[in-house]
Amino acid sequence: MGLNQSAPKITAQDRAILDLKLQRDKLKQYQRKIQVILDQEYEIAKSYLTAGDRDRAIIALRRRKYQQSLLFKTDGQLENLEQLVSTIEFSLVEVSVLHGLKQGNEVLKEIHREMSIESVEKLMGETQEAREYQLEIGNLLANQLSVDDEEAVQEELRQLQVQSTQPEFRAKLPSVPAEQPVAIEIQVQARERVPLPG
């Protein structure tokens, strides 16, 4: 286990990006070299000018100007390389996104194949039928009386209500006492203690 680790696969795009970045690094090294030459030519021109050799100072400044033009050219090339690297890397991201969208679309198509409109409508119909059947069973269990029986119960309730409002039907309850009840005190006689023979 772990011995058969696969090395990452290097694609042509990876190789192209690496080559472009290597070229960029070489251009940056070349720019540093040119900058050193520019500084040297400036010092040379200054030393010739202090020595009174104006012609040689001009030649040194011309060489410096030529090196500056090379530096500007390398700046342009460096910018082109960086833009190219960025464009390639962004294109790889776009390809990755496109691949992800393609896979997502395939998964969505597969889900739609499994879940057609007809099957959803059929399932909804079956669910509605099951709900209605459950409601009917619940009603049967809760109301085991037929419609006629329910009407008879309602009629009996109305008759009871009418009878309860009539005076002779009312139960006769005792009247409320007018006086407060008196508490009766019971005196307990103390018993004599008789010693037990022993």
C-alpha atoms as a PDB file:
ATOM      1  CA  MET A   1       0.000   0.000   0.000  1.00  0.00           C
ATOM      2  CA  GLY A   2       1.301   3.419  -0.876  1.00  0.00           C
ATOM      3  CA  LEU A   3       4.114   2.040  -3.032  1.00  0.00           C
ATOM      4  CA  ASN A   4       2.182   2.404  -6.266  1.00  0.00           C
ATOM      5  CA  GLN A   5       1.620   6.137  -6.073  1.00  0.00           C
ATOM      6  CA  SER A   6       1.027   7.518  -9.523  1.00  0.00           C
ATOM      7  CA  ALA A   7       3.014  10.552 -10.549  1.00  0.00           C
ATOM      8  CA  PRO A   8       0.932  13.518 -11.642  1.00  0.00           C
ATOM      9  CA  LYS A   9       0.398  13.497 -15.367  1.00  0.00           C
ATOM     10  CA  ILE A  10       2.065  16.439 -17.102  1.00  0.00           C
ATOM     11  CA  THR A  11      -0.059  17.694 -19.978  1.00  0.00           C
ATOM     12  CA  ALA A  12       0.995  19.701 -23.016  1.00  0.00           C
ATOM     13  CA  GLN A  13      -0.654  22.751 -21.462  1.00  0.00           C
ATOM     14  CA  ASP A  14       1.418  22.306 -18.301  1.00  0.00           C
ATOM     15  CA  ARG A  15       4.595  22.035 -20.377  1.00  0.00           C
ATOM     16  CA  ALA A  16       3.691  25.180 -22.374  1.00  0.00           C
ATOM     17  CA  ILE A  17       3.030  27.192 -19.219  1.00  0.00           C
ATOM     18  CA  LEU A  18       6.287  26.000 -17.697  1.00  0.00           C
ATOM     19  CA  ASP A  19       8.248  26.960 -20.832  1.00  0.00           C
ATOM     20  CA  LEU A  20       6.655  30.411 -20.877  1.00  0.00           C
ATOM     21  CA  LYS A  21       7.463  30.965 -17.212  1.00  0.00           C
ATOM     22  CA  LEU A  22      11.076  29.864 -17.809  1.00  0.00           C
ATOM     23  CA  GLN A  23      11.323  32.377 -20.660  1.00  0.00           C
ATOM     24  CA  ARG A  24       9.894  35.059 -18.357  1.00  0.00           C
ATOM     25  CA  ASP A  25      12.519  34.272 -15.734  1.00  0.00           C
ATOM     26  CA  LYS A  26      15.302  34.497 -18.366  1.00  0.00           C
ATOM     27  CA  LEU A  27      14.005  37.875 -19.512  1.00  0.00           C
ATOM     28  CA  LYS A  28      14.007  39.151 -15.917  1.00  0.00           C
ATOM     29  CA  GLN A  29      17.636  37.998 -15.526  1.00  0.00           C
ATOM     30  CA  TYR A  30      18.510  39.756 -18.790  1.00  0.00           C
ATOM     31  CA  GLN A  31      16.824  42.952 -17.519  1.00  0.00           C
ATOM     32  CA  ARG A  32      18.923  42.862 -14.351  1.00  0.00           C
ATOM     33  CA  LYS A  33      22.070  42.448 -16.472  1.00  0.00           C
ATOM     34  CA  ILE A  34      21.066  45.412 -18.681  1.00  0.00           C
ATOM     35  CA  GLN A  35      20.399  47.541 -15.596  1.00  0.00           C
ATOM     36  CA  VAL A  36      23.926  46.827 -14.341  1.00  0.00           C
ATOM     37  CA  ILE A  37      25.333  47.839 -17.756  1.00  0.00           C
ATOM     38  CA  LEU A  38      23.243  51.047 -17.715  1.00  0.00           C
ATOM     39  CA  ASP A  39      24.628  51.987 -14.323  1.00  0.00           C
ATOM     40  CA  GLN A  40      28.189  51.218 -15.491  1.00  0.00           C
ATOM     41  CA  GLU A  41      27.825  53.297 -18.700  1.00  0.00           C
ATOM     42  CA  TYR A  42      26.513  56.209 -16.671  1.00  0.00           C
ATOM     43  CA  GLU A  43      29.502  56.052 -14.328  1.00  0.00           C
ATOM     44  CA  ILE A  44      31.882  55.764 -17.305  1.00  0.00           C
ATOM     45  CA  ALA A  45      30.295  58.805 -19.004  1.00  0.00           C
ATOM     46  CA  LYS A  46      30.572  60.773 -15.750  1.00  0.00           C
ATOM     47  CA  SER A  47      34.247  59.826 -15.287  1.00  0.00           C
ATOM     48  CA  TYR A  48      35.088  60.825 -18.907  1.00  0.00           C
ATOM     49  CA  LEU A  49      33.278  64.097 -18.465  1.00  0.00           C
ATOM     50  CA  THR A  50      35.210  64.924 -15.263  1.00  0.00           C
ATOM     51  CA  ALA A  51      38.443  63.976 -17.065  1.00  0.00           C
ATOM     52  CA  GLY A  52      37.538  66.457 -19.823  1.00  0.00           C
ATOM     53  CA  ASP A  53      37.032  63.814 -22.556  1.00  0.00           C
ATOM     54  CA  ARG A  54      33.679  64.917 -23.883  1.00  0.00           C
ATOM     55  CA  ASP A  55      33.690  62.690 -26.996  1.00  0.00           C
ATOM     56  CA  ARG A  56      34.161  59.489 -25.008  1.00  0.00           C
ATOM     57  CA  ALA A  57      31.439  60.594 -22.549  1.00  0.00           C
ATOM     58  CA  ILE A  58      29.039  60.987 -25.503  1.00  0.00           C
ATOM     59  CA  ILE A  59      29.925  57.505 -26.793  1.00  0.00           C
ATOM     60  CA  ALA A  60      29.292  56.026 -23.314  1.00  0.00           C
ATOM     61  CA  LEU A  61      25.918  57.820 -23.141  1.00  0.00           C
ATOM     62  CA  ARG A  62      25.007  56.488 -26.631  1.00  0.00           C
ATOM     63  CA  ARG A  63      25.829  52.939 -25.517  1.00  0.00           C
ATOM     64  CA  ARG A  64      23.687  53.602 -22.425  1.00  0.00           C
ATOM     65  CA  LYS A  65      20.828  54.823 -24.640  1.00  0.00           C
ATOM     66  CA  TYR A  66      21.084  51.646 -26.735  1.00  0.00           C
ATOM     67  CA  GLN A  67      20.933  49.506 -23.555  1.00  0.00           C
ATOM     68  CA  GLN A  68      17.854  51.474 -22.443  1.00  0.00           C
ATOM     69  CA  SER A  69      16.132  50.665 -25.748  1.00  0.00           C
ATOM     70  CA  LEU A  70      16.935  46.965 -25.180  1.00  0.00           C
ATOM     71  CA  LEU A  71      15.468  47.267 -21.683  1.00  0.00           C
ATOM     72  CA  PHE A  72      12.239  48.730 -23.097  1.00  0.00           C
ATOM     73  CA  LYS A  73      12.033  45.916 -25.653  1.00  0.00           C
ATOM     74  CA  THR A  74      12.472  43.288 -22.957  1.00  0.00           C
ATOM     75  CA  ASP A  75       9.724  45.019 -20.930  1.00  0.00           C
ATOM     76  CA  GLY A  76       7.363  44.612 -23.901  1.00  0.00           C
ATOM     77  CA  GLN A  77       8.361  40.966 -24.389  1.00  0.00           C
ATOM     78  CA  LEU A  78       7.966  40.295 -20.675  1.00  0.00           C
ATOM     79  CA  GLU A  79       4.488  41.825 -20.706  1.00  0.00           C
ATOM     80  CA  ASN A  80       3.528  39.688 -23.736  1.00  0.00           C
ATOM     81  CA  LEU A  81       4.767  36.531 -22.001  1.00  0.00           C
ATOM     82  CA  GLU A  82       2.849  37.307 -18.804  1.00  0.00           C
ATOM     83  CA  GLN A  83      -0.328  38.003 -20.781  1.00  0.00           C
ATOM     84  CA  LEU A  84       0.104  34.738 -22.665  1.00  0.00           C
ATOM     85  CA  VAL A  85       0.598  32.764 -19.426  1.00  0.00           C
ATOM     86  CA  SER A  86      -2.479  34.413 -17.904  1.00  0.00           C
ATOM     87  CA  THR A  87      -4.538  33.706 -21.022  1.00  0.00           C
ATOM     88  CA  ILE A  88      -3.520  30.047 -21.069  1.00  0.00           C
ATOM     89  CA  GLU A  89      -4.196  29.583 -17.351  1.00  0.00           C
ATOM     90  CA  PHE A  90      -7.601  31.271 -17.669  1.00  0.00           C
ATOM     91  CA  SER A  91      -8.405  29.112 -20.700  1.00  0.00           C
ATOM     92  CA  LEU A  92      -7.613  26.017 -18.628  1.00  0.00           C
ATOM     93  CA  VAL A  93     -10.013  27.271 -15.958  1.00  0.00           C
ATOM     94  CA  GLU A  94     -12.665  27.820 -18.635  1.00  0.00           C
ATOM     95  CA  VAL A  95     -12.133  24.277 -19.939  1.00  0.00           C
ATOM     96  CA  SER A  96     -12.491  22.940 -16.399  1.00  0.00           C
ATOM     97  CA  VAL A  97     -15.726  24.907 -15.898  1.00  0.00           C
ATOM     98  CA  LEU A  98     -17.020  23.716 -19.268  1.00  0.00           C
ATOM     99  CA  HIS A  99     -16.222  20.125 -18.316  1.00  0.00           C
ATOM    100  CA  GLY A 100     -18.050  20.576 -14.997  1.00  0.00           C
ATOM    101  CA  LEU A 101     -21.075  22.063 -16.773  1.00  0.00           C
ATOM    102  CA  LYS A 102     -21.082  19.170 -19.216  1.00  0.00           C
ATOM    103  CA  GLN A 103     -21.024  16.619 -16.376  1.00  0.00           C
ATOM    104  CA  GLY A 104     -23.760  18.503 -14.530  1.00  0.00           C
ATOM    105  CA  ASN A 105     -25.887  18.555 -17.677  1.00  0.00           C
ATOM    106  CA  GLU A 106     -25.454  14.792 -18.104  1.00  0.00           C
ATOM    107  CA  VAL A 107     -26.493  14.174 -14.478  1.00  0.00           C
ATOM    108  CA  LEU A 108     -29.510  16.429 -14.952  1.00  0.00           C
ATOM    109  CA  LYS A 109     -30.518  14.552 -18.115  1.00  0.00           C
ATOM    110  CA  GLU A 110     -30.239  11.245 -16.239  1.00  0.00           C
ATOM    111  CA  ILE A 111     -32.427  12.563 -13.433  1.00  0.00           C
ATOM    112  CA  HIS A 112     -34.990  13.754 -15.966  1.00  0.00           C
ATOM    113  CA  ARG A 113     -35.005  10.313 -17.608  1.00  0.00           C
ATOM    114  CA  GLU A 114     -35.754   8.729 -14.235  1.00  0.00           C
ATOM    115  CA  MET A 115     -38.370  11.312 -13.340  1.00  0.00           C
ATOM    116  CA  SER A 116     -40.634  11.965 -16.340  1.00  0.00           C
ATOM    117  CA  ILE A 117     -43.680  14.217 -16.132  1.00  0.00           C
ATOM    118  CA  GLU A 118     -45.982  11.214 -16.582  1.00  0.00           C
ATOM    119  CA  SER A 119     -44.407   9.361 -13.657  1.00  0.00           C
ATOM    120  CA  VAL A 120     -44.650  12.461 -11.447  1.00  0.00           C
ATOM    121  CA  GLU A 121     -48.325  12.948 -12.379  1.00  0.00           C
ATOM    122  CA  LYS A 122     -48.990   9.254 -11.707  1.00  0.00           C
ATOM    123  CA  LEU A 123     -47.243   9.458  -8.337  1.00  0.00           C
ATOM    124  CA  MET A 124     -49.207  12.592  -7.393  1.00  0.00           C
ATOM    125  CA  GLY A 125     -52.469  10.851  -8.372  1.00  0.00           C
ATOM    126  CA  GLU A 126     -51.581   7.793  -6.306  1.00  0.00           C
ATOM    127  CA  THR A 127     -50.692  10.009  -3.367  1.00  0.00           C
ATOM    128  CA  GLN A 128     -54.034  11.822  -3.624  1.00  0.00           C
ATOM    129  CA  GLU A 129     -55.894   8.500  -3.774  1.00  0.00           C
ATOM    130  CA  ALA A 130     -53.994   7.259  -0.729  1.00  0.00           C
ATOM    131  CA  ARG A 131     -54.880  10.462   1.175  1.00  0.00           C
ATOM    132  CA  GLU A 132     -58.556  10.133   0.279  1.00  0.00           C
ATOM    133  CA  TYR A 133     -58.559   6.469   1.289  1.00  0.00           C
ATOM    134  CA  GLN A 134     -56.890   7.334   4.624  1.00  0.00           C
ATOM    135  CA  LEU A 135     -59.455  10.076   5.223  1.00  0.00           C
ATOM    136  CA  GLU A 136     -62.289   7.655   4.519  1.00  0.00           C
ATOM    137  CA  ILE A 137     -60.832   5.090   6.954  1.00  0.00           C
ATOM    138  CA  GLY A 138     -60.407   7.815   9.591  1.00  0.00           C
ATOM    139  CA  ASN A 139     -63.992   8.922   9.152  1.00  0.00           C
ATOM    140  CA  LEU A 140     -65.243   5.346   9.432  1.00  0.00           C
ATOM    141  CA  LEU A 141     -63.307   4.760  12.624  1.00  0.00           C
ATOM    142  CA  ALA A 142     -64.307   8.068  14.172  1.00  0.00           C
ATOM    143  CA  ASN A 143     -67.949   7.967  13.147  1.00  0.00           C
ATOM    144  CA  GLN A 144     -69.225   4.435  13.272  1.00  0.00           C
ATOM    145  CA  LEU A 145     -72.762   5.738  13.007  1.00  0.00           C
ATOM    146  CA  SER A 146     -74.671   6.004   9.778  1.00  0.00           C
ATOM    147  CA  VAL A 147     -76.222   9.263   8.666  1.00  0.00           C
ATOM    148  CA  ASP A 148     -79.643   8.129   9.972  1.00  0.00           C
ATOM    149  CA  ASP A 149     -78.149   7.204  13.338  1.00  0.00           C
ATOM    150  CA  GLU A 150     -76.422  10.584  13.589  1.00  0.00           C
ATOM    151  CA  GLU A 151     -79.731  12.357  12.856  1.00  0.00           C
ATOM    152  CA  ALA A 152     -81.441  10.295  15.578  1.00  0.00           C
ATOM    153  CA  VAL A 153     -78.731  11.269  18.086  1.00  0.00           C
ATOM    154  CA  GLN A 154     -79.156  14.947  17.201  1.00  0.00           C
ATOM    155  CA  GLU A 155     -82.975  14.679  17.650  1.00  0.00           C
ATOM    156  CA  GLU A 156     -82.550  13.011  21.047  1.00  0.00           C
ATOM    157  CA  LEU A 157     -80.180  15.818  22.098  1.00  0.00           C
ATOM    158  CA  ARG A 158     -82.759  18.466  21.136  1.00  0.00           C
ATOM    159  CA  GLN A 159     -85.459  16.679  23.175  1.00  0.00           C
ATOM    160  CA  LEU A 160     -83.174  16.547  26.213  1.00  0.00           C
ATOM    161  CA  GLN A 161     -82.478  20.245  25.895  1.00  0.00           C
ATOM    162  CA  VAL A 162     -86.202  21.025  25.787  1.00  0.00           C
ATOM    163  CA  GLN A 163     -86.920  18.828  28.801  1.00  0.00           C
ATOM    164  CA  SER A 164     -84.101  20.323  30.858  1.00  0.00           C
ATOM    165  CA  THR A 165     -85.638  23.763  30.535  1.00  0.00           C
ATOM    166  CA  GLN A 166     -89.054  22.558  31.872  1.00  0.00           C
ATOM    167  CA  PRO A 167     -89.582  22.978  35.699  1.00  0.00           C
ATOM    168  CA  GLU A 168     -90.722  19.436  36.560  1.00  0.00           C
ATOM    169  CA  PHE A 169     -87.668  17.884  35.034  1.00  0.00           C
ATOM    170  CA  ARG A 170     -85.285  19.845  37.249  1.00  0.00           C
ATOM    171  CA  ALA A 171     -83.995  17.809  40.142  1.00  0.00           C
ATOM    172  CA  LYS A 172     -84.950  18.967  43.616  1.00  0.00           C
ATOM    173  CA  LEU A 173     -81.893  19.867  45.557  1.00  0.00           C
ATOM    174  CA  PRO A 174     -81.821  20.695  49.298  1.00  0.00           C
ATOM    175  CA  SER A 175     -81.809  24.343  50.215  1.00  0.00           C
ATOM    176  CA  VAL A 176     -78.710  26.095  51.453  1.00  0.00           C
ATOM    177  CA  PRO A 177     -78.578  26.350  55.285  1.00  0.00           C
ATOM    178  CA  ALA A 178     -79.134  29.826  56.706  1.00  0.00           C
ATOM    179  CA  GLU A 179     -77.025  29.353  59.857  1.00  0.00           C
ATOM    180  CA  GLN A 180     -73.431  28.484  60.308  1.00  0.00           C
ATOM    181  CA  PRO A 181     -72.853  24.899  61.406  1.00  0.00           C
ATOM    182  CA  VAL A 182     -71.699  24.488  65.010  1.00  0.00           C
ATOM    183  CA  ALA A 183     -68.688  22.422  65.785  1.00  0.00           C
ATOM    184  CA  ILE A 184     -69.383  19.774  68.414  1.00  0.00           C
ATOM    185  CA  GLU A 185     -66.663  19.194  70.915  1.00  0.00           C
ATOM    186  CA  ILE A 186     -66.276  15.687  72.092  1.00  0.00           C
ATOM    187  CA  GLN A 187     -64.675  15.219  75.420  1.00  0.00           C
ATOM    188  CA  VAL A 188     -62.617  12.169  75.756  1.00  0.00           C
ATOM    189  CA  GLN A 189     -62.538  10.712  79.203  1.00  0.00           C
ATOM    190  CA  ALA A 190     -59.209   9.651  80.434  1.00  0.00           C
ATOM    191  CA  ARG A 191     -59.062   5.991  81.192  1.00  0.00           C
ATOM    192  CA  GLU A 192     -57.590   4.792  84.326  1.00  0.00           C
ATOM    193  CA  ARG A 193     -54.536   2.760  84.075  1.00  0.00           C
ATOM    194  CA  VAL A 194     -54.783  -0.537  85.654  1.00  0.00           C
ATOM    195  CA  PRO A 195     -51.526  -2.266  86.432  1.00  0.00           C
ATOM    196  CA  LEU A 196     -51.190  -5.686  84.906  1.00  0.00           C
ATOM    197  CA  PRO A 197     -50.432  -8.531  87.157  1.00  0.00           C
ATOM    198  CA  GLY A 198     -47.109  -9.621  86.585  1.00  0.00           C
END
